[in-house]
Amino acid sequence: MSFPNPTQHPGAGNSCRITLGQANQVIPKVPLLRILQAAGAQGDTFTLKEVMHFLGQYILGRQLYDKRQQHLVHCGGDQLGELLGLQSFSLRDPR
């Protein structure tokens, strides 16, 4: 499926494309799409809100969050960590 005028969002890195003509839908590249699908996502085009929802579901389902400080996500050794190039991150400090 092809969409007109895809542009690279500055914060999206190499994870997805944002299509401006399609109500700000994102088309995740395969590594991110696999993570979203593991969390229950269906299809290949999502809103940013849906991407964030499924990322949250993925983190919860895999229990990647710190049990005491739940804003910390420990993703080293997981697909999410490989995608982001991080061992851990804080939900309070999005980059």
C-alpha atoms as a PDB file:
ATOM      1  CA  MET A   1       0.000   0.000   0.000  1.00  0.00           C
ATOM      2  CA  SER A   2       1.366   3.396  -0.947  1.00  0.00           C
ATOM      3  CA  PHE A   3       0.475   6.819   0.443  1.00  0.00           C
ATOM      4  CA  PRO A   4       1.125  10.228  -1.080  1.00  0.00           C
ATOM      5  CA  ASN A   5       3.728  12.583   0.337  1.00  0.00           C
ATOM      6  CA  PRO A   6       5.416  10.440   3.009  1.00  0.00           C
ATOM      7  CA  THR A   7       7.864  12.458   5.074  1.00  0.00           C
ATOM      8  CA  GLN A   8      10.315  11.453   7.757  1.00  0.00           C
ATOM      9  CA  HIS A   9       9.350  12.775  11.185  1.00  0.00           C
ATOM     10  CA  PRO A  10      12.428  14.159  13.004  1.00  0.00           C
ATOM     11  CA  GLY A  11      11.757  12.100  16.147  1.00  0.00           C
ATOM     12  CA  ALA A  12      10.901   8.903  14.334  1.00  0.00           C
ATOM     13  CA  GLY A  13      14.469   7.946  13.468  1.00  0.00           C
ATOM     14  CA  ASN A  14      14.454   4.905  11.235  1.00  0.00           C
ATOM     15  CA  SER A  15      11.417   3.337  12.917  1.00  0.00           C
ATOM     16  CA  CYS A  16       8.535   4.704  10.859  1.00  0.00           C
ATOM     17  CA  ARG A  17       7.296   7.154   8.261  1.00  0.00           C
ATOM     18  CA  ILE A  18       4.533   9.654   8.856  1.00  0.00           C
ATOM     19  CA  THR A  19       2.102  10.299   6.051  1.00  0.00           C
ATOM     20  CA  LEU A  20       0.735  13.817   6.143  1.00  0.00           C
ATOM     21  CA  GLY A  21      -2.140  13.214   3.761  1.00  0.00           C
ATOM     22  CA  GLN A  22      -3.643  10.376   5.771  1.00  0.00           C
ATOM     23  CA  ALA A  23      -4.706  11.946   9.110  1.00  0.00           C
ATOM     24  CA  ASN A  24      -1.178  11.729  10.523  1.00  0.00           C
ATOM     25  CA  GLN A  25      -0.885   7.980  10.163  1.00  0.00           C
ATOM     26  CA  VAL A  26       2.458   6.282  10.687  1.00  0.00           C
ATOM     27  CA  ILE A  27       3.752   3.315   8.767  1.00  0.00           C
ATOM     28  CA  PRO A  28       6.165   1.489  11.088  1.00  0.00           C
ATOM     29  CA  LYS A  29       9.166  -0.226   9.585  1.00  0.00           C
ATOM     30  CA  VAL A  30       9.436  -3.958  10.221  1.00  0.00           C
ATOM     31  CA  PRO A  31      11.268  -3.959  13.606  1.00  0.00           C
ATOM     32  CA  LEU A  32       8.757  -1.569  15.198  1.00  0.00           C
ATOM     33  CA  LEU A  33       5.839  -3.261  13.444  1.00  0.00           C
ATOM     34  CA  ARG A  34       6.849  -6.615  14.984  1.00  0.00           C
ATOM     35  CA  ILE A  35       6.860  -5.045  18.453  1.00  0.00           C
ATOM     36  CA  LEU A  36       3.447  -3.478  17.897  1.00  0.00           C
ATOM     37  CA  GLN A  37       2.031  -6.743  16.572  1.00  0.00           C
ATOM     38  CA  ALA A  38       3.412  -8.624  19.585  1.00  0.00           C
ATOM     39  CA  ALA A  39       1.283  -6.267  21.692  1.00  0.00           C
ATOM     40  CA  GLY A  40      -1.862  -6.981  19.675  1.00  0.00           C
ATOM     41  CA  ALA A  41      -1.730  -4.413  16.877  1.00  0.00           C
ATOM     42  CA  GLN A  42      -3.254  -5.400  13.561  1.00  0.00           C
ATOM     43  CA  GLY A  43      -2.612  -3.834  10.201  1.00  0.00           C
ATOM     44  CA  ASP A  44       0.371  -1.789   9.089  1.00  0.00           C
ATOM     45  CA  THR A  45      -0.764   1.827   9.505  1.00  0.00           C
ATOM     46  CA  PHE A  46      -1.423   3.479  12.868  1.00  0.00           C
ATOM     47  CA  THR A  47      -1.983   6.841  14.506  1.00  0.00           C
ATOM     48  CA  LEU A  48       0.717   8.060  16.871  1.00  0.00           C
ATOM     49  CA  LYS A  49      -1.742   7.481  19.724  1.00  0.00           C
ATOM     50  CA  GLU A  50      -2.143   3.841  18.668  1.00  0.00           C
ATOM     51  CA  VAL A  51       1.634   3.365  18.436  1.00  0.00           C
ATOM     52  CA  MET A  52       2.044   4.725  21.966  1.00  0.00           C
ATOM     53  CA  HIS A  53      -0.794   2.514  23.233  1.00  0.00           C
ATOM     54  CA  PHE A  54       0.708  -0.657  21.784  1.00  0.00           C
ATOM     55  CA  LEU A  55       4.206   0.246  22.988  1.00  0.00           C
ATOM     56  CA  GLY A  56       2.742   0.611  26.481  1.00  0.00           C
ATOM     57  CA  GLN A  57       0.992  -2.745  26.143  1.00  0.00           C
ATOM     58  CA  TYR A  58       4.250  -4.317  24.965  1.00  0.00           C
ATOM     59  CA  ILE A  59       6.162  -2.927  27.953  1.00  0.00           C
ATOM     60  CA  LEU A  60       3.452  -4.091  30.374  1.00  0.00           C
ATOM     61  CA  GLY A  61       3.085  -7.512  28.768  1.00  0.00           C
ATOM     62  CA  ARG A  62       6.803  -8.207  28.845  1.00  0.00           C
ATOM     63  CA  GLN A  63       7.130  -6.620  32.292  1.00  0.00           C
ATOM     64  CA  LEU A  64      10.003  -4.439  31.121  1.00  0.00           C
ATOM     65  CA  TYR A  65       9.173  -1.756  33.682  1.00  0.00           C
ATOM     66  CA  ASP A  66      10.975  -1.502  37.022  1.00  0.00           C
ATOM     67  CA  LYS A  67       8.731  -2.950  39.753  1.00  0.00           C
ATOM     68  CA  ARG A  68       9.615  -0.183  42.226  1.00  0.00           C
ATOM     69  CA  GLN A  69      10.034   2.760  39.874  1.00  0.00           C
ATOM     70  CA  GLN A  70       7.514   1.977  37.172  1.00  0.00           C
ATOM     71  CA  HIS A  71       8.517   4.938  35.012  1.00  0.00           C
ATOM     72  CA  LEU A  72      11.792   3.104  34.296  1.00  0.00           C
ATOM     73  CA  VAL A  73      11.817   0.646  31.414  1.00  0.00           C
ATOM     74  CA  HIS A  74      14.594  -1.952  31.249  1.00  0.00           C
ATOM     75  CA  CYS A  75      14.702  -3.073  27.631  1.00  0.00           C
ATOM     76  CA  GLY A  76      18.254  -4.393  27.265  1.00  0.00           C
ATOM     77  CA  GLY A  77      18.199  -7.838  25.678  1.00  0.00           C
ATOM     78  CA  ASP A  78      14.732  -7.225  24.233  1.00  0.00           C
ATOM     79  CA  GLN A  79      13.604  -6.278  20.714  1.00  0.00           C
ATOM     80  CA  LEU A  80      12.607  -2.858  22.042  1.00  0.00           C
ATOM     81  CA  GLY A  81      16.103  -2.243  23.397  1.00  0.00           C
ATOM     82  CA  GLU A  82      17.636  -3.331  20.106  1.00  0.00           C
ATOM     83  CA  LEU A  83      15.330  -0.996  18.180  1.00  0.00           C
ATOM     84  CA  LEU A  84      16.027   1.977  20.445  1.00  0.00           C
ATOM     85  CA  GLY A  85      19.696   1.182  21.004  1.00  0.00           C
ATOM     86  CA  LEU A  86      19.145   1.452  24.759  1.00  0.00           C
ATOM     87  CA  GLN A  87      19.449  -0.737  27.834  1.00  0.00           C
ATOM     88  CA  SER A  88      16.857   1.296  29.730  1.00  0.00           C
ATOM     89  CA  PHE A  89      14.978   4.593  29.652  1.00  0.00           C
ATOM     90  CA  SER A  90      12.589   6.665  31.730  1.00  0.00           C
ATOM     91  CA  LEU A  91       9.060   7.462  30.607  1.00  0.00           C
ATOM     92  CA  ARG A  92       9.563  10.812  32.329  1.00  0.00           C
ATOM     93  CA  ASP A  93      12.393  11.711  29.948  1.00  0.00           C
ATOM     94  CA  PRO A  94      11.200  10.973  26.389  1.00  0.00           C
ATOM     95  CA  ARG A  95      13.737  11.682  23.626  1.00  0.00           C
END
